[in-house]
């Protein structure tokens, strides 16, 4: 387990968050040469993880293209960047894709960012129904100044998407900060309070880290 993941678990315990640490499930890292032969993906593989629950064996791939030339850009310096998350569910050794996350920045002539916070990939079972909740966090931006990036926390449970959308928190002057805000989508609003509590704790942890 990586240092940031260990820090995340300890933070939950020390600060007394409403989320119990036993709700976090352990995952196993998978290398590209260990992936089943029928698994395909776009972009460069940056993280692959597997784990099991009552639905079967889960496999999640996080991929990014990095900065690439914009085919339709009007500026020669314009670039694109894309990121993907591919979720597969396996039964009896056969894996089928169940959902995909895709986001991007297009035609950007400035500083470009479209990256997962891969150390913040977390799998939980907060409502203890033996079905995983899968949490992904990523940032996107096209900027030429000191300003917040767009940040999203995406959670899937049994194929249903939940989203938190907002901005990272950055220091814009000696005394002033910008960003750090977020909103829950309807799926989070209609879901269990434990999901919103965990998501809010995760968001505040990440924006606090970005402020350091």
N, C-alpha and C. Protein backbone atom coordinates (compact mmCIF):
# COMPACT_ATOMS: atom_id res chain seq x y z
N UNK A 1 0.84 -1.19 0.00
CA UNK A 1 0.00 0.00 0.00
C UNK A 1 0.88 1.25 0.00
N UNK A 2 0.56 2.23 -0.84
CA UNK A 2 1.39 3.41 -0.97
C UNK A 2 1.22 4.34 0.22
N UNK A 3 2.20 5.23 0.40
CA UNK A 3 2.24 6.09 1.58
C UNK A 3 1.00 6.96 1.67
N UNK A 4 0.51 7.51 0.52
CA UNK A 4 -0.64 8.39 0.58
C UNK A 4 -1.90 7.62 0.97
N UNK A 5 -2.01 6.35 0.55
CA UNK A 5 -3.15 5.54 0.95
C UNK A 5 -3.11 5.27 2.45
N UNK A 6 -1.92 4.97 2.98
CA UNK A 6 -1.78 4.74 4.41
C UNK A 6 -2.14 6.01 5.18
N UNK A 7 -1.66 7.15 4.68
CA UNK A 7 -1.97 8.43 5.32
C UNK A 7 -3.47 8.67 5.34
N UNK A 8 -4.16 8.32 4.24
CA UNK A 8 -5.61 8.50 4.15
C UNK A 8 -6.33 7.70 5.23
N UNK A 9 -5.94 6.44 5.40
CA UNK A 9 -6.57 5.58 6.40
C UNK A 9 -6.33 6.12 7.81
N UNK A 10 -5.10 6.54 8.09
CA UNK A 10 -4.79 7.07 9.41
C UNK A 10 -5.53 8.36 9.69
N UNK A 11 -5.70 9.19 8.64
CA UNK A 11 -6.42 10.44 8.82
C UNK A 11 -7.85 10.20 9.24
N UNK A 12 -8.49 9.21 8.64
CA UNK A 12 -9.86 8.89 8.98
C UNK A 12 -9.97 8.51 10.45
N UNK A 13 -9.02 7.70 10.93
CA UNK A 13 -9.05 7.25 12.32
C UNK A 13 -8.77 8.40 13.28
N UNK A 14 -7.74 9.17 12.99
CA UNK A 14 -7.29 10.22 13.91
C UNK A 14 -8.31 11.33 14.03
N UNK A 15 -8.89 11.76 12.93
CA UNK A 15 -9.80 12.89 12.96
C UNK A 15 -11.22 12.49 13.34
N UNK A 16 -11.47 11.19 13.48
CA UNK A 16 -12.80 10.76 13.91
C UNK A 16 -13.86 10.98 12.87
N UNK A 17 -13.54 10.81 11.58
CA UNK A 17 -14.54 10.97 10.55
C UNK A 17 -15.69 9.98 10.80
N UNK A 18 -16.83 10.29 10.22
CA UNK A 18 -18.00 9.44 10.41
C UNK A 18 -17.88 8.12 9.69
N UNK A 19 -16.90 7.99 8.79
CA UNK A 19 -16.72 6.75 8.04
C UNK A 19 -15.83 5.81 8.83
N UNK A 20 -16.27 4.60 9.07
CA UNK A 20 -15.47 3.62 9.79
C UNK A 20 -14.45 3.01 8.86
N UNK A 21 -13.22 2.84 9.33
CA UNK A 21 -12.13 2.39 8.47
C UNK A 21 -12.38 1.01 7.90
N UNK A 22 -13.17 0.15 8.63
CA UNK A 22 -13.40 -1.18 8.10
C UNK A 22 -14.29 -1.16 6.86
N UNK A 23 -14.86 0.00 6.54
CA UNK A 23 -15.64 0.14 5.30
C UNK A 23 -14.78 0.24 4.07
N UNK A 24 -13.47 0.40 4.24
CA UNK A 24 -12.55 0.48 3.10
C UNK A 24 -12.05 -0.91 2.76
N UNK A 25 -12.18 -1.30 1.49
CA UNK A 25 -11.79 -2.62 1.04
C UNK A 25 -10.39 -2.60 0.46
N UNK A 26 -9.66 -3.65 0.67
CA UNK A 26 -8.32 -3.78 0.12
C UNK A 26 -8.39 -4.19 -1.34
N UNK A 27 -7.50 -3.63 -2.14
CA UNK A 27 -7.40 -3.99 -3.55
C UNK A 27 -5.98 -4.45 -3.86
N UNK A 28 -5.83 -5.14 -4.97
CA UNK A 28 -4.53 -5.66 -5.39
C UNK A 28 -4.12 -5.00 -6.70
N UNK A 29 -2.88 -4.53 -6.75
CA UNK A 29 -2.38 -3.91 -7.96
C UNK A 29 -2.13 -4.97 -9.03
N UNK A 30 -2.45 -4.62 -10.28
CA UNK A 30 -2.30 -5.53 -11.42
C UNK A 30 -1.40 -4.86 -12.45
N UNK A 31 -0.40 -5.56 -12.93
CA UNK A 31 0.48 -5.02 -13.98
C UNK A 31 -0.15 -5.28 -15.35
N UNK A 32 0.33 -4.57 -16.35
CA UNK A 32 -0.26 -4.69 -17.69
C UNK A 32 -0.16 -6.10 -18.24
N UNK A 33 0.92 -6.82 -17.93
CA UNK A 33 1.07 -8.18 -18.44
C UNK A 33 0.25 -9.21 -17.67
N UNK A 34 -0.45 -8.78 -16.61
CA UNK A 34 -1.32 -9.67 -15.86
C UNK A 34 -2.79 -9.50 -16.24
N UNK A 35 -3.08 -8.57 -17.13
CA UNK A 35 -4.46 -8.33 -17.52
C UNK A 35 -4.98 -9.47 -18.39
N UNK A 36 -6.25 -9.84 -18.23
CA UNK A 36 -6.83 -10.85 -19.13
C UNK A 36 -6.72 -10.42 -20.59
N UNK A 37 -6.61 -11.38 -21.48
CA UNK A 37 -6.34 -11.09 -22.89
C UNK A 37 -7.47 -10.32 -23.56
N UNK A 38 -8.70 -10.46 -23.07
CA UNK A 38 -9.82 -9.77 -23.72
C UNK A 38 -9.99 -8.33 -23.25
N UNK A 39 -9.14 -7.87 -22.33
CA UNK A 39 -9.25 -6.50 -21.82
C UNK A 39 -8.57 -5.53 -22.78
N UNK A 40 -9.32 -4.52 -23.20
CA UNK A 40 -8.77 -3.48 -24.08
C UNK A 40 -8.99 -2.12 -23.43
N UNK A 41 -8.17 -1.16 -23.79
CA UNK A 41 -8.31 0.18 -23.23
C UNK A 41 -7.64 1.19 -24.14
N UNK A 42 -8.00 2.47 -23.95
CA UNK A 42 -7.40 3.59 -24.66
C UNK A 42 -6.45 4.31 -23.72
N UNK A 43 -5.45 5.00 -24.29
CA UNK A 43 -4.52 5.76 -23.48
C UNK A 43 -3.44 4.89 -22.87
N UNK A 44 -2.65 5.50 -22.01
CA UNK A 44 -1.55 4.82 -21.32
C UNK A 44 -2.02 4.35 -19.94
N UNK A 45 -1.79 3.09 -19.63
CA UNK A 45 -2.21 2.54 -18.35
C UNK A 45 -1.36 3.14 -17.23
N UNK A 46 -2.04 3.76 -16.26
CA UNK A 46 -1.31 4.32 -15.11
C UNK A 46 -1.61 3.58 -13.82
N UNK A 47 -2.73 2.84 -13.79
CA UNK A 47 -3.07 2.09 -12.59
C UNK A 47 -4.11 1.03 -12.95
N UNK A 48 -3.94 -0.17 -12.41
CA UNK A 48 -4.94 -1.23 -12.54
C UNK A 48 -5.06 -1.93 -11.19
N UNK A 49 -6.29 -2.15 -10.76
CA UNK A 49 -6.55 -2.76 -9.46
C UNK A 49 -7.65 -3.80 -9.59
N UNK A 50 -7.59 -4.82 -8.74
CA UNK A 50 -8.64 -5.83 -8.70
C UNK A 50 -9.03 -6.11 -7.25
N UNK A 51 -10.25 -6.60 -7.07
CA UNK A 51 -10.77 -6.97 -5.76
C UNK A 51 -12.04 -7.78 -5.97
N UNK A 52 -12.58 -8.35 -4.90
CA UNK A 52 -13.79 -9.16 -5.00
C UNK A 52 -14.86 -8.69 -4.04
N UNK A 53 -16.11 -8.86 -4.45
CA UNK A 53 -17.26 -8.67 -3.56
C UNK A 53 -18.34 -9.66 -3.97
N UNK A 54 -19.56 -9.43 -3.51
CA UNK A 54 -20.62 -10.40 -3.79
C UNK A 54 -20.99 -10.48 -5.27
N UNK A 55 -20.63 -9.45 -6.06
CA UNK A 55 -20.95 -9.45 -7.48
C UNK A 55 -19.94 -10.24 -8.31
N UNK A 56 -18.76 -10.48 -7.76
CA UNK A 56 -17.73 -11.19 -8.49
C UNK A 56 -16.38 -10.51 -8.34
N UNK A 57 -15.53 -10.69 -9.34
CA UNK A 57 -14.20 -10.09 -9.32
C UNK A 57 -14.20 -8.80 -10.14
N UNK A 58 -13.77 -7.73 -9.51
CA UNK A 58 -13.74 -6.42 -10.16
C UNK A 58 -12.33 -6.12 -10.67
N UNK A 59 -12.29 -5.42 -11.80
CA UNK A 59 -11.02 -4.96 -12.36
C UNK A 59 -11.23 -3.54 -12.84
N UNK A 60 -10.40 -2.62 -12.37
CA UNK A 60 -10.51 -1.22 -12.76
C UNK A 60 -9.19 -0.75 -13.35
N UNK A 61 -9.26 -0.09 -14.50
CA UNK A 61 -8.09 0.45 -15.18
C UNK A 61 -8.23 1.97 -15.26
N UNK A 62 -7.18 2.69 -14.89
CA UNK A 62 -7.10 4.14 -15.07
C UNK A 62 -6.07 4.42 -16.14
N UNK A 63 -6.45 5.18 -17.16
CA UNK A 63 -5.54 5.48 -18.27
C UNK A 63 -5.61 6.96 -18.62
N UNK A 64 -4.52 7.46 -19.18
CA UNK A 64 -4.43 8.85 -19.62
C UNK A 64 -3.68 8.91 -20.95
N UNK A 65 -3.98 9.90 -21.76
CA UNK A 65 -3.23 10.09 -23.00
C UNK A 65 -2.03 11.00 -22.78
N UNK A 66 -2.08 11.85 -21.72
CA UNK A 66 -1.11 12.92 -21.62
C UNK A 66 -1.41 13.97 -22.68
N UNK A 67 -0.56 14.96 -22.79
CA UNK A 67 -0.76 16.02 -23.77
C UNK A 67 -0.45 15.51 -25.18
N UNK A 68 -1.39 15.68 -26.09
CA UNK A 68 -1.22 15.26 -27.48
C UNK A 68 -1.63 16.41 -28.40
N UNK A 69 -1.08 16.49 -29.62
CA UNK A 69 -1.45 17.58 -30.53
C UNK A 69 -2.95 17.59 -30.82
N UNK A 70 -3.52 18.79 -30.89
CA UNK A 70 -4.94 18.92 -31.21
C UNK A 70 -5.13 18.83 -32.71
N UNK A 71 -5.84 17.83 -33.20
CA UNK A 71 -5.99 17.69 -34.65
C UNK A 71 -6.76 18.82 -35.30
N UNK A 72 -7.63 19.48 -34.52
CA UNK A 72 -8.44 20.56 -35.08
C UNK A 72 -8.07 21.91 -34.49
N UNK A 73 -6.94 21.97 -33.82
CA UNK A 73 -6.54 23.20 -33.17
C UNK A 73 -6.21 24.31 -34.16
N UNK A 74 -6.62 25.53 -33.87
CA UNK A 74 -6.30 26.67 -34.71
C UNK A 74 -4.93 27.25 -34.37
N UNK A 75 -4.40 26.86 -33.21
CA UNK A 75 -3.09 27.31 -32.75
C UNK A 75 -2.15 26.12 -32.79
N UNK A 76 -0.95 26.33 -33.35
CA UNK A 76 0.00 25.22 -33.45
C UNK A 76 0.40 24.67 -32.09
N UNK A 77 0.28 25.49 -31.06
CA UNK A 77 0.64 25.04 -29.71
C UNK A 77 -0.51 24.35 -29.00
N UNK A 78 -1.68 24.30 -29.61
CA UNK A 78 -2.85 23.72 -28.96
C UNK A 78 -2.69 22.21 -28.79
N UNK A 79 -3.10 21.72 -27.63
CA UNK A 79 -3.00 20.30 -27.33
C UNK A 79 -4.29 19.80 -26.69
N UNK A 80 -4.47 18.49 -26.78
CA UNK A 80 -5.58 17.81 -26.12
C UNK A 80 -5.02 16.91 -25.02
N UNK A 81 -5.90 16.49 -24.13
CA UNK A 81 -5.56 15.46 -23.14
C UNK A 81 -6.85 14.75 -22.74
N UNK A 82 -6.78 13.44 -22.63
CA UNK A 82 -7.95 12.65 -22.30
C UNK A 82 -7.61 11.69 -21.14
N UNK A 83 -8.63 11.34 -20.40
CA UNK A 83 -8.46 10.30 -19.37
C UNK A 83 -9.65 9.36 -19.40
N UNK A 84 -9.41 8.12 -18.99
CA UNK A 84 -10.43 7.08 -19.03
C UNK A 84 -10.34 6.23 -17.75
N UNK A 85 -11.47 5.73 -17.32
CA UNK A 85 -11.51 4.66 -16.32
C UNK A 85 -12.40 3.56 -16.89
N UNK A 86 -11.88 2.35 -16.92
CA UNK A 86 -12.62 1.20 -17.45
C UNK A 86 -12.88 0.21 -16.31
N UNK A 87 -14.14 -0.12 -16.11
CA UNK A 87 -14.49 -1.09 -15.08
C UNK A 87 -14.97 -2.39 -15.72
N UNK A 88 -14.39 -3.49 -15.26
CA UNK A 88 -14.77 -4.82 -15.73
C UNK A 88 -15.20 -5.66 -14.55
N UNK A 89 -16.20 -6.50 -14.78
CA UNK A 89 -16.66 -7.44 -13.77
C UNK A 89 -16.50 -8.85 -14.30
N UNK A 90 -15.86 -9.69 -13.50
CA UNK A 90 -15.56 -11.04 -13.94
C UNK A 90 -16.30 -12.10 -13.15
N UNK A 91 -16.79 -13.10 -13.85
CA UNK A 91 -17.35 -14.29 -13.23
C UNK A 91 -16.79 -15.50 -13.95
N UNK A 92 -16.26 -16.43 -13.20
CA UNK A 92 -15.67 -17.64 -13.74
C UNK A 92 -14.57 -17.33 -14.76
N UNK A 93 -13.81 -16.27 -14.48
CA UNK A 93 -12.66 -15.94 -15.32
C UNK A 93 -12.96 -15.15 -16.56
N UNK A 94 -14.23 -14.83 -16.81
CA UNK A 94 -14.61 -14.05 -17.99
C UNK A 94 -14.99 -12.64 -17.56
N UNK A 95 -14.34 -11.64 -18.14
CA UNK A 95 -14.57 -10.24 -17.75
C UNK A 95 -15.37 -9.50 -18.82
N UNK A 96 -16.35 -8.72 -18.35
CA UNK A 96 -17.15 -7.88 -19.23
C UNK A 96 -17.13 -6.45 -18.71
N UNK A 97 -16.98 -5.48 -19.65
CA UNK A 97 -16.97 -4.08 -19.24
C UNK A 97 -18.38 -3.68 -18.82
N UNK A 98 -18.47 -3.00 -17.65
CA UNK A 98 -19.78 -2.58 -17.14
C UNK A 98 -19.96 -1.06 -17.20
N UNK A 99 -18.89 -0.29 -17.10
CA UNK A 99 -18.99 1.16 -17.24
C UNK A 99 -17.63 1.77 -17.58
N UNK A 100 -17.68 3.01 -18.04
CA UNK A 100 -16.45 3.73 -18.41
C UNK A 100 -16.61 5.20 -18.05
N UNK A 101 -15.55 5.80 -17.53
CA UNK A 101 -15.48 7.24 -17.31
C UNK A 101 -14.58 7.84 -18.38
N UNK A 102 -15.02 8.94 -18.97
CA UNK A 102 -14.22 9.62 -19.99
C UNK A 102 -14.33 11.12 -19.76
N UNK A 103 -13.17 11.79 -19.72
CA UNK A 103 -13.17 13.25 -19.65
C UNK A 103 -11.96 13.76 -20.42
N UNK A 104 -11.94 15.06 -20.69
CA UNK A 104 -10.92 15.57 -21.60
C UNK A 104 -10.78 17.08 -21.49
N UNK A 105 -9.68 17.57 -22.02
CA UNK A 105 -9.46 18.99 -22.34
C UNK A 105 -9.08 19.05 -23.82
N UNK A 106 -9.70 19.93 -24.56
CA UNK A 106 -9.46 20.02 -25.99
C UNK A 106 -8.92 21.40 -26.37
N UNK A 107 -8.04 21.39 -27.37
CA UNK A 107 -7.59 22.62 -28.03
C UNK A 107 -7.05 23.63 -27.03
N UNK A 108 -6.13 23.20 -26.18
CA UNK A 108 -5.59 24.06 -25.11
C UNK A 108 -4.20 24.56 -25.48
N UNK A 109 -3.99 25.87 -25.58
CA UNK A 109 -2.66 26.41 -25.88
C UNK A 109 -1.87 26.78 -24.62
N UNK A 110 -2.46 26.55 -23.45
CA UNK A 110 -1.84 26.95 -22.18
C UNK A 110 -1.36 25.71 -21.43
N UNK A 111 -1.16 25.85 -20.13
CA UNK A 111 -0.77 24.70 -19.31
C UNK A 111 -1.96 23.74 -19.21
N UNK A 112 -1.70 22.51 -19.54
CA UNK A 112 -2.76 21.51 -19.72
C UNK A 112 -2.68 20.44 -18.64
N UNK A 113 -3.83 20.03 -18.12
CA UNK A 113 -3.87 19.02 -17.07
C UNK A 113 -5.14 18.18 -17.24
N UNK A 114 -4.97 16.86 -17.26
CA UNK A 114 -6.09 15.92 -17.25
C UNK A 114 -5.54 14.65 -16.63
N UNK A 115 -5.59 14.59 -15.30
CA UNK A 115 -4.89 13.53 -14.57
C UNK A 115 -5.72 12.97 -13.43
N UNK A 116 -5.65 11.66 -13.26
CA UNK A 116 -6.22 11.02 -12.08
C UNK A 116 -5.30 11.24 -10.89
N UNK A 117 -5.89 11.38 -9.73
CA UNK A 117 -5.12 11.29 -8.49
C UNK A 117 -5.14 9.81 -8.12
N UNK A 118 -4.25 9.05 -8.73
CA UNK A 118 -4.34 7.59 -8.66
C UNK A 118 -4.13 7.07 -7.24
N UNK A 119 -3.38 7.79 -6.41
CA UNK A 119 -3.20 7.36 -5.03
C UNK A 119 -4.48 7.51 -4.21
N UNK A 120 -5.45 8.22 -4.77
CA UNK A 120 -6.71 8.44 -4.05
C UNK A 120 -7.82 7.52 -4.55
N UNK A 121 -7.50 6.52 -5.36
CA UNK A 121 -8.48 5.51 -5.75
C UNK A 121 -8.82 4.67 -4.52
N UNK A 122 -10.11 4.62 -4.16
CA UNK A 122 -10.55 3.94 -2.95
C UNK A 122 -11.76 3.08 -3.27
N UNK A 123 -11.83 1.90 -2.68
CA UNK A 123 -13.00 1.03 -2.77
C UNK A 123 -13.56 0.85 -1.37
N UNK A 124 -14.86 1.04 -1.22
CA UNK A 124 -15.50 0.96 0.09
C UNK A 124 -16.74 0.07 0.02
N UNK A 125 -17.26 -0.25 1.19
CA UNK A 125 -18.60 -0.82 1.34
C UNK A 125 -19.21 -0.16 2.57
N UNK A 126 -19.56 1.10 2.40
CA UNK A 126 -20.00 1.93 3.52
C UNK A 126 -21.37 1.51 4.04
N UNK A 127 -22.26 1.07 3.16
CA UNK A 127 -23.59 0.67 3.60
C UNK A 127 -23.69 -0.83 3.89
N UNK A 128 -22.54 -1.51 3.82
CA UNK A 128 -22.41 -2.91 4.22
C UNK A 128 -23.42 -3.83 3.54
N UNK A 129 -23.55 -3.64 2.21
CA UNK A 129 -24.45 -4.51 1.44
C UNK A 129 -23.69 -5.51 0.59
N UNK A 130 -22.37 -5.62 0.85
CA UNK A 130 -21.49 -6.55 0.13
C UNK A 130 -21.31 -6.18 -1.34
N UNK A 131 -21.63 -4.91 -1.68
CA UNK A 131 -21.43 -4.40 -3.04
C UNK A 131 -20.50 -3.20 -2.95
N UNK A 132 -19.46 -3.18 -3.76
CA UNK A 132 -18.42 -2.16 -3.68
C UNK A 132 -18.92 -0.79 -4.12
N UNK A 133 -18.38 0.23 -3.47
CA UNK A 133 -18.46 1.60 -3.95
C UNK A 133 -17.05 1.97 -4.43
N UNK A 134 -16.95 2.43 -5.66
CA UNK A 134 -15.65 2.67 -6.30
C UNK A 134 -15.47 4.17 -6.47
N UNK A 135 -14.43 4.73 -5.84
CA UNK A 135 -14.21 6.18 -5.80
C UNK A 135 -12.99 6.55 -6.64
N UNK A 136 -13.18 7.48 -7.58
CA UNK A 136 -12.10 7.99 -8.44
C UNK A 136 -12.05 9.51 -8.30
N UNK A 137 -10.86 10.06 -8.33
CA UNK A 137 -10.69 11.51 -8.29
C UNK A 137 -9.76 11.95 -9.41
N UNK A 138 -10.12 13.03 -10.10
CA UNK A 138 -9.22 13.54 -11.14
C UNK A 138 -9.39 15.05 -11.28
N UNK A 139 -8.39 15.67 -11.90
CA UNK A 139 -8.39 17.11 -12.13
C UNK A 139 -8.18 17.39 -13.61
N UNK A 140 -8.80 18.47 -14.08
CA UNK A 140 -8.62 18.93 -15.45
C UNK A 140 -8.47 20.45 -15.44
N UNK A 141 -7.64 20.97 -16.34
CA UNK A 141 -7.52 22.41 -16.45
C UNK A 141 -6.79 22.79 -17.73
N UNK A 142 -7.06 23.99 -18.18
CA UNK A 142 -6.30 24.66 -19.25
C UNK A 142 -6.15 26.08 -18.77
N UNK A 143 -4.97 26.44 -18.28
CA UNK A 143 -4.82 27.73 -17.62
C UNK A 143 -3.41 28.27 -17.80
N UNK A 144 -3.32 29.58 -17.72
CA UNK A 144 -2.03 30.23 -17.82
C UNK A 144 -1.74 31.11 -16.63
N UNK A 145 -2.49 30.90 -15.54
CA UNK A 145 -2.31 31.70 -14.34
C UNK A 145 -2.46 30.80 -13.11
N UNK A 146 -2.37 31.42 -11.94
CA UNK A 146 -2.57 30.69 -10.70
C UNK A 146 -4.07 30.72 -10.39
N UNK A 147 -4.74 29.64 -10.70
CA UNK A 147 -6.18 29.54 -10.47
C UNK A 147 -6.52 28.08 -10.21
N UNK A 148 -7.67 27.82 -9.61
CA UNK A 148 -8.03 26.43 -9.31
C UNK A 148 -8.23 25.60 -10.57
N UNK A 149 -7.96 24.31 -10.44
CA UNK A 149 -8.31 23.33 -11.47
C UNK A 149 -9.71 22.80 -11.18
N UNK A 150 -10.35 22.30 -12.21
CA UNK A 150 -11.59 21.56 -12.00
C UNK A 150 -11.26 20.22 -11.36
N UNK A 151 -11.97 19.83 -10.33
CA UNK A 151 -11.77 18.53 -9.69
C UNK A 151 -13.10 17.80 -9.62
N UNK A 152 -13.05 16.51 -9.87
CA UNK A 152 -14.25 15.68 -9.80
C UNK A 152 -13.95 14.41 -9.00
N UNK A 153 -14.88 14.06 -8.14
CA UNK A 153 -14.87 12.77 -7.47
C UNK A 153 -16.04 11.98 -8.04
N UNK A 154 -15.75 10.86 -8.65
CA UNK A 154 -16.77 10.00 -9.25
C UNK A 154 -16.85 8.72 -8.44
N UNK A 155 -18.06 8.34 -8.07
CA UNK A 155 -18.26 7.08 -7.35
C UNK A 155 -19.29 6.23 -8.10
N UNK A 156 -18.98 4.96 -8.24
CA UNK A 156 -19.93 4.01 -8.82
C UNK A 156 -20.27 2.95 -7.79
N UNK A 157 -21.56 2.65 -7.69
CA UNK A 157 -22.01 1.49 -6.92
C UNK A 157 -22.97 0.71 -7.80
N UNK A 158 -22.63 -0.54 -8.07
CA UNK A 158 -23.48 -1.41 -8.89
C UNK A 158 -23.87 -0.75 -10.21
N UNK A 159 -22.90 -0.06 -10.83
CA UNK A 159 -23.12 0.55 -12.13
C UNK A 159 -23.77 1.92 -12.10
N UNK A 160 -24.18 2.42 -10.92
CA UNK A 160 -24.82 3.73 -10.83
C UNK A 160 -23.78 4.79 -10.51
N UNK A 161 -23.75 5.82 -11.31
CA UNK A 161 -22.76 6.89 -11.17
C UNK A 161 -23.22 7.95 -10.17
N UNK A 162 -22.30 8.37 -9.30
CA UNK A 162 -22.48 9.50 -8.40
C UNK A 162 -21.31 10.46 -8.67
N UNK A 163 -21.57 11.76 -8.63
CA UNK A 163 -20.51 12.71 -8.97
C UNK A 163 -20.48 13.90 -8.01
N UNK A 164 -19.26 14.29 -7.64
CA UNK A 164 -19.01 15.54 -6.94
C UNK A 164 -18.15 16.39 -7.87
N UNK A 165 -18.56 17.64 -8.07
CA UNK A 165 -17.84 18.51 -9.00
C UNK A 165 -17.51 19.83 -8.31
N UNK A 166 -16.28 20.30 -8.51
CA UNK A 166 -15.87 21.55 -7.90
C UNK A 166 -14.49 21.95 -8.34
N UNK A 167 -13.75 22.59 -7.42
CA UNK A 167 -12.43 23.13 -7.78
C UNK A 167 -11.41 22.84 -6.69
N UNK A 168 -10.17 22.68 -7.09
CA UNK A 168 -9.09 22.59 -6.12
C UNK A 168 -8.93 23.94 -5.42
N UNK A 169 -8.21 23.95 -4.32
CA UNK A 169 -8.01 25.18 -3.55
C UNK A 169 -6.57 25.64 -3.72
N UNK A 170 -6.40 26.89 -4.15
CA UNK A 170 -5.06 27.42 -4.41
C UNK A 170 -4.92 28.80 -3.77
N UNK A 171 -3.69 29.13 -3.42
CA UNK A 171 -3.39 30.44 -2.85
C UNK A 171 -3.13 31.42 -3.99
N UNK A 172 -3.92 32.48 -4.06
CA UNK A 172 -3.81 33.43 -5.17
C UNK A 172 -3.11 34.72 -4.77
N UNK A 173 -2.89 34.93 -3.47
CA UNK A 173 -2.13 36.08 -3.00
C UNK A 173 -1.60 35.74 -1.62
N UNK A 174 -0.94 36.70 -0.98
CA UNK A 174 -0.38 36.45 0.35
C UNK A 174 -1.45 36.09 1.37
N UNK A 175 -2.65 36.60 1.17
CA UNK A 175 -3.71 36.40 2.18
C UNK A 175 -4.96 35.73 1.64
N UNK A 176 -5.05 35.55 0.33
CA UNK A 176 -6.30 35.08 -0.26
C UNK A 176 -6.15 33.70 -0.91
N UNK A 177 -7.24 32.94 -0.81
CA UNK A 177 -7.33 31.62 -1.42
C UNK A 177 -8.53 31.58 -2.35
N UNK A 178 -8.48 30.70 -3.33
CA UNK A 178 -9.61 30.53 -4.24
C UNK A 178 -9.87 29.03 -4.41
N UNK A 179 -11.14 28.70 -4.58
CA UNK A 179 -11.50 27.30 -4.83
C UNK A 179 -11.80 26.52 -3.57
N UNK A 180 -11.83 25.21 -3.72
CA UNK A 180 -12.14 24.31 -2.62
C UNK A 180 -13.61 23.95 -2.52
N UNK A 181 -14.46 24.57 -3.33
CA UNK A 181 -15.89 24.35 -3.29
C UNK A 181 -16.29 23.12 -4.11
N UNK A 182 -17.44 22.54 -3.81
CA UNK A 182 -17.96 21.42 -4.59
C UNK A 182 -19.46 21.33 -4.43
N UNK A 183 -20.09 20.57 -5.33
CA UNK A 183 -21.52 20.26 -5.21
C UNK A 183 -21.71 18.77 -5.45
N UNK A 184 -22.71 18.19 -4.77
CA UNK A 184 -23.13 16.82 -5.01
C UNK A 184 -24.15 16.80 -6.15
N UNK A 185 -24.11 15.74 -6.95
CA UNK A 185 -25.17 15.57 -7.94
C UNK A 185 -26.39 14.92 -7.29
N UNK A 186 -27.45 14.70 -8.07
CA UNK A 186 -28.71 14.17 -7.54
C UNK A 186 -28.53 12.75 -6.98
N UNK A 187 -27.67 11.94 -7.63
CA UNK A 187 -27.48 10.57 -7.16
C UNK A 187 -26.92 10.57 -5.73
N UNK A 188 -25.97 11.44 -5.46
CA UNK A 188 -25.46 11.56 -4.09
C UNK A 188 -26.55 12.09 -3.15
N UNK A 189 -27.30 13.09 -3.64
CA UNK A 189 -28.34 13.68 -2.80
C UNK A 189 -29.42 12.68 -2.41
N UNK A 190 -29.72 11.75 -3.32
CA UNK A 190 -30.75 10.75 -3.06
C UNK A 190 -30.21 9.52 -2.34
N UNK A 191 -28.89 9.39 -2.26
CA UNK A 191 -28.28 8.19 -1.70
C UNK A 191 -28.10 8.27 -0.20
N UNK A 192 -27.46 7.25 0.39
CA UNK A 192 -27.24 7.22 1.84
C UNK A 192 -26.35 8.37 2.30
N UNK A 193 -26.60 8.81 3.53
CA UNK A 193 -25.78 9.88 4.11
C UNK A 193 -24.32 9.45 4.22
N UNK A 194 -24.08 8.15 4.40
CA UNK A 194 -22.70 7.67 4.52
C UNK A 194 -21.90 7.95 3.26
N UNK A 195 -22.55 7.92 2.10
CA UNK A 195 -21.85 8.24 0.86
C UNK A 195 -21.44 9.72 0.85
N UNK A 196 -22.38 10.59 1.20
CA UNK A 196 -22.08 12.03 1.19
C UNK A 196 -21.02 12.37 2.24
N UNK A 197 -21.10 11.74 3.42
CA UNK A 197 -20.10 12.01 4.46
C UNK A 197 -18.71 11.61 4.01
N UNK A 198 -18.60 10.43 3.42
CA UNK A 198 -17.30 9.96 2.96
C UNK A 198 -16.79 10.86 1.84
N UNK A 199 -17.67 11.19 0.88
CA UNK A 199 -17.26 12.05 -0.23
C UNK A 199 -16.79 13.41 0.24
N UNK A 200 -17.52 14.00 1.20
CA UNK A 200 -17.12 15.32 1.72
C UNK A 200 -15.79 15.23 2.45
N UNK A 201 -15.59 14.18 3.25
CA UNK A 201 -14.32 14.00 3.94
C UNK A 201 -13.17 13.85 2.94
N UNK A 202 -13.41 13.06 1.90
CA UNK A 202 -12.39 12.86 0.87
C UNK A 202 -12.07 14.18 0.18
N UNK A 203 -13.10 14.94 -0.18
CA UNK A 203 -12.90 16.21 -0.88
C UNK A 203 -12.08 17.18 -0.02
N UNK A 204 -12.46 17.32 1.24
CA UNK A 204 -11.76 18.28 2.10
C UNK A 204 -10.31 17.84 2.34
N UNK A 205 -10.09 16.55 2.42
CA UNK A 205 -8.72 16.04 2.56
C UNK A 205 -7.88 16.42 1.34
N UNK A 206 -8.44 16.22 0.16
CA UNK A 206 -7.70 16.49 -1.06
C UNK A 206 -7.47 17.99 -1.27
N UNK A 207 -8.46 18.80 -0.98
CA UNK A 207 -8.25 20.25 -1.14
C UNK A 207 -7.31 20.78 -0.09
N UNK A 208 -7.29 20.18 1.09
CA UNK A 208 -6.30 20.57 2.10
C UNK A 208 -4.89 20.23 1.64
N UNK A 209 -4.71 19.07 1.01
CA UNK A 209 -3.41 18.69 0.48
C UNK A 209 -2.96 19.65 -0.62
N UNK A 210 -3.90 20.08 -1.48
CA UNK A 210 -3.53 20.97 -2.57
C UNK A 210 -3.17 22.36 -2.07
N UNK A 211 -3.55 22.67 -0.82
CA UNK A 211 -3.24 23.98 -0.25
C UNK A 211 -1.84 24.04 0.34
N UNK A 212 -1.20 22.88 0.50
CA UNK A 212 0.09 22.84 1.18
C UNK A 212 1.24 23.23 0.25
